[in-house]
């Protein structure tokens, strides 16, 4: 019996060892799948085709003509129409893996611009395509890719410096409404709603967007910190000067509560009570002591502490959370409630409101420049003075010069006008504020007409657009995974977090 048991155990160990070897081989094949490599011109050409097709879909959203939308298929529900560039870009995937890599790099640009500025993604996409297209042509003609990249970076930095010198700060509600209106594709109601919200909660206040339940768009202001819990007694709702205590105990008793109240009175400190339950005599004690002073002073002191912490903070996450605390303390929360005839229209309009809100905040933060792409167009003229060390770097500067003309060109083209004619006419004159009003088909002073762009949006779009294409022009090999049958496996997304 012992020998039989030993034999069975030996066979079991052998079977387990064989199973482990099989799994090891399967994992090896899984981890070391066959790869396909594209080199040089072929790799760049495939990536460029992905960039061009994605940009063609995104650029139709550029301009004030609200009839130009992109309809996106959704896994569930009705198709969604949008004019938001980053939304369109994220929805696009290509079957060819190398082609999809090009599209993914454009998505990286749009996402980076959206994360920092909250708007300008279509402009960033258009600039990316222009820079990458000209860069590929120059590399194919024998230019040094690294010198081209240096020239592109040098020119982009010079343009940003020029834009900063021409920016104008805004502070009035009328100016804020103008920025919001332009960013919302000319919808004055949205611009005025955003201006009203910022006037109520201030620059540091939080503004959120939600679905409305009435027949009209409206704005609601919620002051202070909002907790997802009910008050223990209704008497606390109407008076915000109560001393409050935070208790870790499950059922704070009267003595503990009185001690906390006396300490708060002595120290002139605000208190908030958050507890699962309290004894029956505690609410009456708190009601009697509900009129206490010092809350406004304490909030101001705490707000100053948070501002100092934000300046010293090095972590983006911690800085974001500190800023969130500050906004809730100092400015309150404004809720923009958006209504439309259907869910699809509400979703589409909320995208526009989000872009307009982000653009407005960026304008208040860093100022404005003439809109419609003319700020970039006129900045291109200043690059003639930029000194370079060799001819290839000069070509890199010229690539940026040509790319800066594209926003105005596409604005005009989307309005049914010959873009080259509009660009040429604007470059012939000397007024740095003159631009083309695509909605009305006339040349106007963009600042006086209220057609402006936030400096933060424009400089971020250019900086991001110049960084990725200059990297793509130096690409000499692209490696993609093949399926087991030897064909390229389908694209699995951009490979980035959005």
Protein backbone atom coordinates (compact mmCIF):
# COMPACT_ATOMS: atom_id res chain seq x y z
CA UNK A 1 0.00 0.00 0.00
CA UNK A 2 2.85 2.33 0.85
CA UNK A 3 4.55 1.64 -2.51
CA UNK A 4 1.28 2.31 -4.35
CA UNK A 5 0.84 5.63 -2.58
CA UNK A 6 4.45 6.59 -3.31
CA UNK A 7 3.97 5.75 -6.99
CA UNK A 8 0.84 7.90 -7.19
CA UNK A 9 2.62 10.81 -5.53
CA UNK A 10 5.54 10.48 -7.97
CA UNK A 11 3.18 10.49 -10.96
CA UNK A 12 1.35 13.53 -9.57
CA UNK A 13 4.64 15.44 -9.22
CA UNK A 14 5.59 14.49 -12.79
CA UNK A 15 2.20 15.65 -14.11
CA UNK A 16 2.53 18.94 -12.23
CA UNK A 17 6.04 19.48 -13.64
CA UNK A 18 4.82 18.83 -17.19
CA UNK A 19 1.94 21.24 -16.68
CA UNK A 20 4.34 23.93 -15.46
CA UNK A 21 6.56 23.42 -18.51
CA UNK A 22 3.57 23.72 -20.85
CA UNK A 23 2.42 26.92 -19.11
CA UNK A 24 5.94 28.31 -19.32
CA UNK A 25 6.05 27.70 -23.07
CA UNK A 26 2.60 29.24 -23.54
CA UNK A 27 3.60 32.30 -21.53
CA UNK A 28 6.81 32.59 -23.53
CA UNK A 29 4.83 32.59 -26.79
CA UNK A 30 2.39 35.07 -25.30
CA UNK A 31 5.09 37.43 -24.06
CA UNK A 32 7.32 37.07 -27.10
CA UNK A 33 4.79 37.35 -29.92
CA UNK A 34 6.11 38.04 -33.39
CA UNK A 35 6.76 41.68 -34.24
CA UNK A 36 6.65 43.58 -37.50
CA UNK A 37 9.09 46.45 -38.00
CA UNK A 38 8.62 49.36 -40.37
CA UNK A 39 11.65 51.50 -41.15
CA UNK A 40 12.36 55.06 -42.23
CA UNK A 41 10.11 56.59 -44.88
CA UNK A 42 7.58 53.75 -44.73
CA UNK A 43 7.15 54.07 -40.95
CA UNK A 44 6.77 57.85 -41.10
CA UNK A 45 4.36 57.62 -44.05
CA UNK A 46 2.05 55.23 -42.19
CA UNK A 47 2.15 57.35 -39.05
CA UNK A 48 1.49 60.46 -41.12
CA UNK A 49 -1.58 58.88 -42.72
CA UNK A 50 -2.99 58.26 -39.23
CA UNK A 51 -2.28 61.87 -38.25
CA UNK A 52 -3.91 63.22 -41.42
CA UNK A 53 -7.09 61.15 -41.21
CA UNK A 54 -7.60 61.93 -37.53
CA UNK A 55 -7.00 65.64 -38.15
CA UNK A 56 -9.42 65.67 -41.09
CA UNK A 57 -12.14 64.45 -38.73
CA UNK A 58 -11.26 66.91 -35.96
CA UNK A 59 -10.70 70.07 -38.00
CA UNK A 60 -14.31 70.28 -39.24
CA UNK A 61 -15.27 71.37 -35.71
CA UNK A 62 -13.12 74.50 -36.00
CA UNK A 63 -14.99 77.74 -36.44
CA UNK A 64 -18.30 79.40 -35.55
CA UNK A 65 -20.54 77.57 -38.01
CA UNK A 66 -22.59 75.46 -35.61
CA UNK A 67 -23.82 73.23 -38.43
CA UNK A 68 -20.38 71.56 -38.67
CA UNK A 69 -20.44 68.66 -36.23
CA UNK A 70 -19.01 65.17 -35.95
CA UNK A 71 -21.41 62.31 -35.20
CA UNK A 72 -19.92 59.54 -33.06
CA UNK A 73 -21.25 55.99 -32.81
CA UNK A 74 -21.72 54.83 -29.23
CA UNK A 75 -21.82 51.32 -27.78
CA UNK A 76 -25.16 52.07 -26.16
CA UNK A 77 -27.82 54.58 -27.05
CA UNK A 78 -28.16 57.00 -29.93
CA UNK A 79 -25.18 58.46 -31.82
CA UNK A 80 -23.64 61.55 -30.25
CA UNK A 81 -23.00 64.80 -32.13
CA UNK A 82 -20.15 66.98 -30.92
CA UNK A 83 -17.90 69.91 -31.83
CA UNK A 84 -15.34 69.05 -29.16
CA UNK A 85 -11.98 68.21 -30.73
CA UNK A 86 -10.63 65.99 -27.97
CA UNK A 87 -13.87 63.98 -27.87
CA UNK A 88 -13.61 63.31 -31.60
CA UNK A 89 -9.92 62.42 -31.38
CA UNK A 90 -10.40 59.93 -28.54
CA UNK A 91 -13.12 58.09 -30.45
CA UNK A 92 -10.90 57.24 -33.43
CA UNK A 93 -8.94 53.99 -33.76
CA UNK A 94 -7.25 52.57 -36.89
CA UNK A 95 -6.92 48.91 -37.81
CA UNK A 96 -3.32 49.35 -39.01
CA UNK A 97 -1.08 49.41 -35.93
CA UNK A 98 1.57 51.80 -37.27
CA UNK A 99 -1.12 54.12 -38.58
CA UNK A 100 -2.78 53.96 -35.18
CA UNK A 101 0.50 54.95 -33.53
CA UNK A 102 0.40 58.22 -35.48
CA UNK A 103 -3.17 58.85 -34.42
CA UNK A 104 -2.29 58.00 -30.81
CA UNK A 105 0.47 60.60 -30.75
CA UNK A 106 -2.05 63.23 -31.86
CA UNK A 107 -4.34 62.07 -29.06
CA UNK A 108 -1.45 62.63 -26.69
CA UNK A 109 -1.26 66.23 -27.89
CA UNK A 110 -5.00 66.84 -27.53
CA UNK A 111 -5.14 65.24 -24.09
CA UNK A 112 -2.13 67.22 -22.85
CA UNK A 113 -3.66 70.47 -24.11
CA UNK A 114 -7.04 69.61 -22.61
CA UNK A 115 -5.51 68.71 -19.24
CA UNK A 116 -3.59 71.99 -18.92
CA UNK A 117 -5.82 74.53 -20.68
CA UNK A 118 -9.17 72.75 -20.95
CA UNK A 119 -9.67 73.96 -24.53
CA UNK A 120 -7.75 74.47 -27.78
CA UNK A 121 -7.57 70.79 -28.70
CA UNK A 122 -8.69 71.34 -32.29
CA UNK A 123 -6.08 74.06 -32.76
CA UNK A 124 -3.42 71.75 -31.30
CA UNK A 125 -4.46 68.96 -33.68
CA UNK A 126 -4.27 71.22 -36.73
CA UNK A 127 -0.84 72.53 -35.73
CA UNK A 128 0.41 68.99 -35.07
CA UNK A 129 -0.52 67.83 -38.54
CA UNK A 130 1.04 70.85 -40.23
CA UNK A 131 4.33 70.48 -38.34
CA UNK A 132 4.57 66.72 -38.83
CA UNK A 133 3.68 66.88 -42.54
CA UNK A 134 6.32 69.50 -43.32
CA UNK A 135 8.82 67.76 -41.06
CA UNK A 136 8.44 64.45 -42.92
CA UNK A 137 8.92 66.19 -46.26
CA UNK A 138 12.07 67.90 -45.01
CA UNK A 139 13.56 64.68 -43.61
CA UNK A 140 12.79 62.89 -46.88
CA UNK A 141 14.61 65.69 -48.72
CA UNK A 142 17.76 65.01 -46.70
CA UNK A 143 17.49 67.52 -43.85
CA UNK A 144 18.99 66.64 -40.47
CA UNK A 145 16.06 65.57 -38.27
CA UNK A 146 17.69 66.71 -35.03
CA UNK A 147 18.44 70.19 -36.36
CA UNK A 148 14.89 70.42 -37.67
CA UNK A 149 13.65 69.57 -34.20
CA UNK A 150 15.87 72.24 -32.64
CA UNK A 151 14.57 74.83 -35.10
CA UNK A 152 10.94 73.86 -34.41
CA UNK A 153 11.43 74.10 -30.64
CA UNK A 154 13.30 77.40 -30.94
CA UNK A 155 10.55 78.93 -33.07
CA UNK A 156 7.74 77.70 -30.80
CA UNK A 157 9.44 79.26 -27.76
CA UNK A 158 9.86 82.56 -29.61
CA UNK A 159 6.17 82.61 -30.57
CA UNK A 160 5.07 81.98 -26.97
CA UNK A 161 7.26 84.87 -25.80
CA UNK A 162 5.68 87.11 -28.45
CA UNK A 163 2.15 86.09 -27.44
CA UNK A 164 2.84 86.80 -23.77
CA UNK A 165 4.05 90.30 -24.60
CA UNK A 166 0.81 91.04 -26.47
CA UNK A 167 -1.66 89.51 -24.01
CA UNK A 168 -4.24 91.68 -22.26
CA UNK A 169 -5.74 90.91 -18.87
CA UNK A 170 -9.51 90.84 -18.40
CA UNK A 171 -11.53 91.51 -15.27
CA UNK A 172 -15.02 92.81 -16.11
CA UNK A 173 -18.09 90.62 -16.51
CA UNK A 174 -18.59 91.92 -20.05
CA UNK A 175 -15.12 90.77 -21.10
CA UNK A 176 -15.57 87.41 -19.39
CA UNK A 177 -18.91 86.94 -21.17
CA UNK A 178 -17.26 87.71 -24.52
CA UNK A 179 -14.65 85.01 -24.01
CA UNK A 180 -17.27 82.49 -22.94
CA UNK A 181 -19.46 83.33 -25.93
CA UNK A 182 -16.68 82.84 -28.46
CA UNK A 183 -15.55 79.56 -26.89
CA UNK A 184 -19.17 78.34 -26.93
CA UNK A 185 -19.31 78.85 -30.71
CA UNK A 186 -21.14 82.16 -30.49
CA UNK A 187 -23.84 81.22 -27.95
CA UNK A 188 -24.21 84.44 -25.98
CA UNK A 189 -26.46 82.82 -23.38
CA UNK A 190 -23.67 80.44 -22.34
CA UNK A 191 -21.10 83.23 -22.14
CA UNK A 192 -23.36 85.37 -19.96
CA UNK A 193 -24.21 82.41 -17.72
CA UNK A 194 -20.51 81.69 -17.13
CA UNK A 195 -19.78 85.37 -16.43
CA UNK A 196 -22.63 85.47 -13.90
CA UNK A 197 -21.33 82.33 -12.19
CA UNK A 198 -17.77 83.69 -11.93
CA UNK A 199 -19.12 86.95 -10.54
CA UNK A 200 -20.96 85.03 -7.82
CA UNK A 201 -18.26 82.58 -6.71
CA UNK A 202 -15.13 84.51 -7.70
CA UNK A 203 -11.98 83.40 -9.51
CA UNK A 204 -11.29 80.67 -6.96
CA UNK A 205 -14.84 79.35 -6.87
CA UNK A 206 -15.89 75.98 -8.26
CA UNK A 207 -18.23 75.90 -11.27
CA UNK A 208 -19.81 72.59 -12.24
CA UNK A 209 -22.15 71.55 -15.05
CA UNK A 210 -25.21 69.33 -14.74
CA UNK A 211 -28.46 68.50 -16.52
CA UNK A 212 -31.26 70.97 -15.93
CA UNK A 213 -34.81 70.00 -14.97
CA UNK A 214 -36.60 73.17 -16.10
CA UNK A 215 -37.26 74.75 -19.50
CA UNK A 216 -34.34 77.18 -19.32
CA UNK A 217 -30.61 77.14 -18.65
CA UNK A 218 -29.95 78.41 -15.15
CA UNK A 219 -27.28 78.88 -12.51
CA UNK A 220 -27.45 77.88 -8.85
CA UNK A 221 -24.92 78.90 -6.20
CA UNK A 222 -24.11 76.63 -3.26
CA UNK A 223 -22.02 78.40 -0.62
CA UNK A 224 -19.60 76.65 1.70
CA UNK A 225 -18.76 72.97 2.05
CA UNK A 226 -21.43 70.46 1.07
CA UNK A 227 -21.73 67.20 3.04
CA UNK A 228 -23.76 64.25 1.86
CA UNK A 229 -25.53 63.95 5.21
CA UNK A 230 -28.61 65.50 6.82
CA UNK A 231 -28.60 67.83 9.84
CA UNK A 232 -29.54 66.28 13.16
CA UNK A 233 -32.06 69.09 13.75
CA UNK A 234 -33.62 71.58 11.31
CA UNK A 235 -32.57 74.51 13.51
CA UNK A 236 -29.00 74.24 12.21
CA UNK A 237 -29.89 74.85 8.58
CA UNK A 238 -30.59 78.58 8.75
CA UNK A 239 -27.66 79.72 10.86
CA UNK A 240 -24.10 79.37 9.58
CA UNK A 241 -22.43 80.94 12.63
CA UNK A 242 -22.83 77.90 14.90
CA UNK A 243 -19.80 76.53 16.67
CA UNK A 244 -19.35 72.97 15.41
CA UNK A 245 -17.40 70.00 16.69
CA UNK A 246 -15.94 66.96 14.90
CA UNK A 247 -16.24 63.90 17.14
CA UNK A 248 -14.70 60.47 16.62
CA UNK A 249 -17.09 58.98 19.15
CA UNK A 250 -20.14 57.08 17.97
CA UNK A 251 -22.49 58.74 20.50
CA UNK A 252 -21.06 62.01 21.94
CA UNK A 253 -22.62 62.78 25.33
CA UNK A 254 -23.60 66.13 26.81
CA UNK A 255 -20.45 66.62 28.90
CA UNK A 256 -18.14 66.05 25.95
CA UNK A 257 -20.19 68.41 23.81
CA UNK A 258 -20.25 71.16 26.45
CA UNK A 259 -16.47 70.88 26.94
CA UNK A 260 -15.95 71.22 23.21
CA UNK A 261 -18.24 74.25 23.06
CA UNK A 262 -16.48 75.96 25.97
CA UNK A 263 -13.10 75.34 24.36
CA UNK A 264 -14.36 76.72 21.07
CA UNK A 265 -15.68 79.83 22.81
CA UNK A 266 -12.41 80.36 24.65
CA UNK A 267 -10.23 79.84 21.60
CA UNK A 268 -12.66 81.53 19.19
CA UNK A 269 -12.41 78.54 16.88
CA UNK A 270 -15.13 77.18 14.54
CA UNK A 271 -16.40 73.64 15.16
CA UNK A 272 -18.33 71.08 13.10
CA UNK A 273 -20.06 68.04 14.64
CA UNK A 274 -20.13 64.92 12.43
CA UNK A 275 -21.32 61.83 14.33
CA UNK A 276 -23.25 58.65 13.67
CA UNK A 277 -25.61 59.48 16.54
CA UNK A 278 -25.79 61.63 19.70
CA UNK A 279 -27.55 61.41 23.03
CA UNK A 280 -30.99 62.97 23.25
CA UNK A 281 -29.95 66.02 25.30
CA UNK A 282 -27.12 67.08 22.95
CA UNK A 283 -29.27 68.68 20.20
CA UNK A 284 -31.01 71.00 22.67
CA UNK A 285 -27.63 72.13 24.03
CA UNK A 286 -26.36 72.86 20.54
CA UNK A 287 -29.52 74.77 19.65
CA UNK A 288 -29.06 76.99 22.68
CA UNK A 289 -25.44 77.68 21.68
CA UNK A 290 -26.10 78.12 17.97
CA UNK A 291 -25.23 81.84 17.86
CA UNK A 292 -21.45 81.98 18.02
CA UNK A 293 -19.05 84.36 16.27
CA UNK A 294 -15.69 83.95 14.62
CA UNK A 295 -16.54 81.72 11.65
CA UNK A 296 -15.71 84.29 8.94
CA UNK A 297 -12.40 85.19 10.52
CA UNK A 298 -11.48 81.52 10.89
CA UNK A 299 -12.35 80.85 7.24
CA UNK A 300 -10.16 83.75 6.13
CA UNK A 301 -7.24 82.52 8.23
CA UNK A 302 -7.65 78.97 6.94
CA UNK A 303 -7.87 80.23 3.35
CA UNK A 304 -4.59 82.10 3.76
CA UNK A 305 -2.98 78.94 5.15
CA UNK A 306 -4.19 76.96 2.14
CA UNK A 307 -2.85 79.57 -0.30
CA UNK A 308 0.57 79.36 1.35
CA UNK A 309 0.47 75.56 1.21
CA UNK A 310 -0.43 75.64 -2.50
CA UNK A 311 2.57 77.88 -3.27
CA UNK A 312 4.95 75.54 -1.44
CA UNK A 313 3.41 72.27 -2.65
CA UNK A 314 5.38 70.25 -5.23
CA UNK A 315 2.88 67.43 -5.79
CA UNK A 316 0.29 68.09 -8.51
CA UNK A 317 -2.22 65.83 -6.76
CA UNK A 318 -1.80 67.53 -3.37
CA UNK A 319 -1.94 70.94 -5.01
CA UNK A 320 -5.20 70.03 -6.75
CA UNK A 321 -6.78 68.85 -3.49
CA UNK A 322 -5.60 71.95 -1.60
CA UNK A 323 -7.01 74.16 -4.35
CA UNK A 324 -10.30 72.27 -4.13
CA UNK A 325 -10.45 72.91 -0.37
CA UNK A 326 -9.67 76.58 -0.90
CA UNK A 327 -12.38 77.07 -3.51
CA UNK A 328 -15.01 75.47 -1.29
CA UNK A 329 -14.04 77.69 1.63
CA UNK A 330 -13.58 81.01 -0.14
CA UNK A 331 -15.80 81.03 -3.20
CA UNK A 332 -18.55 78.46 -2.97
CA UNK A 333 -19.86 76.33 -5.82
CA UNK A 334 -21.90 77.45 -8.83
CA UNK A 335 -23.86 74.83 -10.75
CA UNK A 336 -24.74 75.50 -14.40
CA UNK A 337 -27.88 73.55 -15.28
CA UNK A 338 -28.13 72.90 -19.02
CA UNK A 339 -31.33 71.94 -20.84
CA UNK A 340 -32.07 70.90 -24.43
CA UNK A 341 -34.76 69.05 -26.36
CA UNK A 342 -33.05 65.63 -26.21
CA UNK A 343 -30.31 63.78 -24.33
CA UNK A 344 -28.04 63.91 -27.37
CA UNK A 345 -28.44 67.69 -27.60
CA UNK A 346 -27.83 68.09 -23.86
CA UNK A 347 -24.59 66.08 -24.10
CA UNK A 348 -23.44 68.10 -27.09
CA UNK A 349 -24.24 71.40 -25.39
CA UNK A 350 -22.51 70.38 -22.17
CA UNK A 351 -19.33 69.77 -24.19
CA UNK A 352 -19.54 73.35 -25.49
CA UNK A 353 -20.20 74.74 -22.02
CA UNK A 354 -17.23 72.81 -20.61
CA UNK A 355 -14.91 74.21 -23.30
CA UNK A 356 -16.26 77.72 -22.77
CA UNK A 357 -15.85 77.48 -19.00
CA UNK A 358 -12.26 76.25 -19.26
CA UNK A 359 -11.40 78.95 -21.79
CA UNK A 360 -12.91 81.62 -19.58
CA UNK A 361 -10.92 80.50 -16.54
CA UNK A 362 -7.75 80.44 -18.65
CA UNK A 363 -8.48 83.99 -19.87
CA UNK A 364 -8.89 85.31 -16.35
CA UNK A 365 -5.68 83.55 -15.31
CA UNK A 366 -3.27 84.65 -18.07
CA UNK A 367 -5.12 87.14 -20.29
CA UNK A 368 -6.37 87.18 -23.88
CA UNK A 369 -5.06 87.66 -27.41
CA UNK A 370 -6.92 88.39 -30.68
CA UNK A 371 -8.97 85.33 -31.64
CA UNK A 372 -9.73 83.42 -34.80
CA UNK A 373 -6.11 82.26 -35.11
CA UNK A 374 -4.79 85.74 -35.98
CA UNK A 375 -2.54 85.96 -32.90
CA UNK A 376 -0.57 82.97 -34.21
CA UNK A 377 -0.69 84.30 -37.77
CA UNK A 378 0.87 87.65 -36.88
CA UNK A 379 3.40 85.99 -34.56
CA UNK A 380 4.69 84.08 -37.60
CA UNK A 381 5.94 87.37 -39.08
CA UNK A 382 8.22 87.91 -36.09
CA UNK A 383 10.06 84.64 -36.79
CA UNK A 384 11.81 86.26 -39.75
CA UNK A 385 14.09 87.92 -37.20
CA UNK A 386 14.98 84.67 -35.40
CA UNK A 387 18.66 83.72 -35.70
CA UNK A 388 19.64 80.08 -36.29
CA UNK A 389 23.02 78.33 -36.44
CA UNK A 390 22.50 76.37 -39.69
CA UNK A 391 20.20 75.93 -42.68
CA UNK A 392 18.35 72.89 -41.32
CA UNK A 393 17.37 74.79 -38.17
CA UNK A 394 16.13 77.61 -40.39
CA UNK A 395 13.89 75.10 -42.17
CA UNK A 396 12.53 74.07 -38.75
CA UNK A 397 11.64 77.71 -38.07
CA UNK A 398 9.91 77.94 -41.46
CA UNK A 399 7.89 74.81 -40.63
CA UNK A 400 6.47 76.62 -37.59
CA UNK A 401 5.85 79.75 -39.67
CA UNK A 402 3.77 77.80 -42.16
CA UNK A 403 1.94 75.88 -39.42
CA UNK A 404 0.88 79.12 -37.70
CA UNK A 405 -1.13 80.08 -40.79
CA UNK A 406 -3.29 76.96 -40.66
CA UNK A 407 -5.82 77.97 -37.96
CA UNK A 408 -6.92 81.06 -39.91
CA UNK A 409 -6.88 79.05 -43.14
CA UNK A 410 -9.19 76.37 -41.70
CA UNK A 411 -11.47 78.90 -39.99
CA UNK A 412 -12.07 80.52 -43.37
CA UNK A 413 -12.32 77.24 -45.29
CA UNK A 414 -14.92 75.84 -42.90
CA UNK A 415 -16.97 78.99 -43.51
CA UNK A 416 -16.89 78.39 -47.27
CA UNK A 417 -14.22 80.99 -48.07
CA UNK A 418 -10.84 80.44 -49.73
CA UNK A 419 -8.45 80.22 -46.79
CA UNK A 420 -5.33 81.26 -48.72
CA UNK A 421 -6.99 84.53 -49.76
CA UNK A 422 -7.90 85.42 -46.16
CA UNK A 423 -4.41 84.57 -44.88
CA UNK A 424 -2.76 86.62 -47.61
CA UNK A 425 -4.94 89.67 -47.03
CA UNK A 426 -4.31 89.68 -43.28
CA UNK A 427 -0.55 89.36 -43.70
CA UNK A 428 -0.50 92.34 -46.09
CA UNK A 429 -1.70 94.83 -43.46
CA UNK A 430 -0.16 96.02 -40.17
CA UNK A 431 -3.04 96.01 -37.65
CA UNK A 432 -2.23 93.13 -35.24
CA UNK A 433 -5.85 92.96 -34.07
CA UNK A 434 -7.52 92.68 -37.48
CA UNK A 435 -9.04 89.29 -38.22
CA UNK A 436 -11.69 87.50 -40.23
CA UNK A 437 -15.15 87.07 -38.72
CA UNK A 438 -16.13 83.77 -40.31
CA UNK A 439 -19.69 83.97 -38.97
CA UNK A 440 -20.41 87.24 -40.80
CA UNK A 441 -17.84 86.99 -43.59
CA UNK A 442 -16.11 90.29 -42.86
CA UNK A 443 -12.80 91.67 -41.57
CA UNK A 444 -13.05 93.22 -38.10
CA UNK A 445 -10.96 94.35 -35.14
CA UNK A 446 -11.05 91.12 -33.13
CA UNK A 447 -10.56 92.76 -29.72
CA UNK A 448 -13.30 95.35 -30.24
CA UNK A 449 -15.63 92.69 -31.62
CA UNK A 450 -15.03 90.54 -28.55
CA UNK A 451 -13.52 87.72 -30.62
CA UNK A 452 -10.59 86.71 -28.45
CA UNK A 453 -8.67 83.60 -27.43
CA UNK A 454 -7.17 82.83 -24.00
CA UNK A 455 -3.38 83.13 -24.02
CA UNK A 456 -3.06 79.97 -21.92
CA UNK A 457 -5.02 77.94 -24.48
CA UNK A 458 -3.05 79.19 -27.49
CA UNK A 459 0.41 78.84 -25.95
CA UNK A 460 -0.39 75.38 -24.57
CA UNK A 461 -1.73 74.19 -27.92
CA UNK A 462 1.40 75.41 -29.72
CA UNK A 463 3.80 73.99 -27.14
CA UNK A 464 2.20 70.55 -27.20
CA UNK A 465 1.85 70.57 -30.98
CA UNK A 466 5.54 71.40 -31.45
CA UNK A 467 6.84 68.75 -29.05
CA UNK A 468 5.26 65.55 -30.42
CA UNK A 469 5.64 66.12 -34.21
CA UNK A 470 9.30 67.02 -33.78
CA UNK A 471 9.70 63.64 -32.09
CA UNK A 472 7.83 61.84 -34.88
CA UNK A 473 10.02 63.36 -37.59
CA UNK A 474 13.05 61.69 -35.96
CA UNK A 475 11.36 58.26 -36.03
CA UNK A 476 13.43 55.69 -37.96
CA UNK A 477 11.62 52.49 -36.92
CA UNK A 478 8.16 51.48 -35.75
CA UNK A 479 7.61 48.13 -34.04
CA UNK A 480 4.13 46.56 -33.93
CA UNK A 481 2.85 43.21 -32.73
CA UNK A 482 1.66 40.54 -35.16
CA UNK A 483 -1.08 38.02 -34.60
CA UNK A 484 -0.15 34.31 -34.68
CA UNK A 485 -1.31 33.99 -38.29
CA UNK A 486 1.29 36.56 -39.32
CA UNK A 487 -1.12 39.43 -39.85
CA UNK A 488 -1.01 42.58 -37.79
CA UNK A 489 -3.16 42.31 -34.70
CA UNK A 490 -5.90 44.91 -34.41
CA UNK A 491 -5.08 48.17 -32.70
CA UNK A 492 -5.72 48.17 -28.97
CA UNK A 493 -6.18 51.87 -28.37
CA UNK A 494 -3.78 54.68 -27.82
CA UNK A 495 -1.90 53.06 -24.96
CA UNK A 496 -2.26 56.19 -22.85
CA UNK A 497 -4.47 57.44 -20.06
CA UNK A 498 -7.00 60.06 -20.97
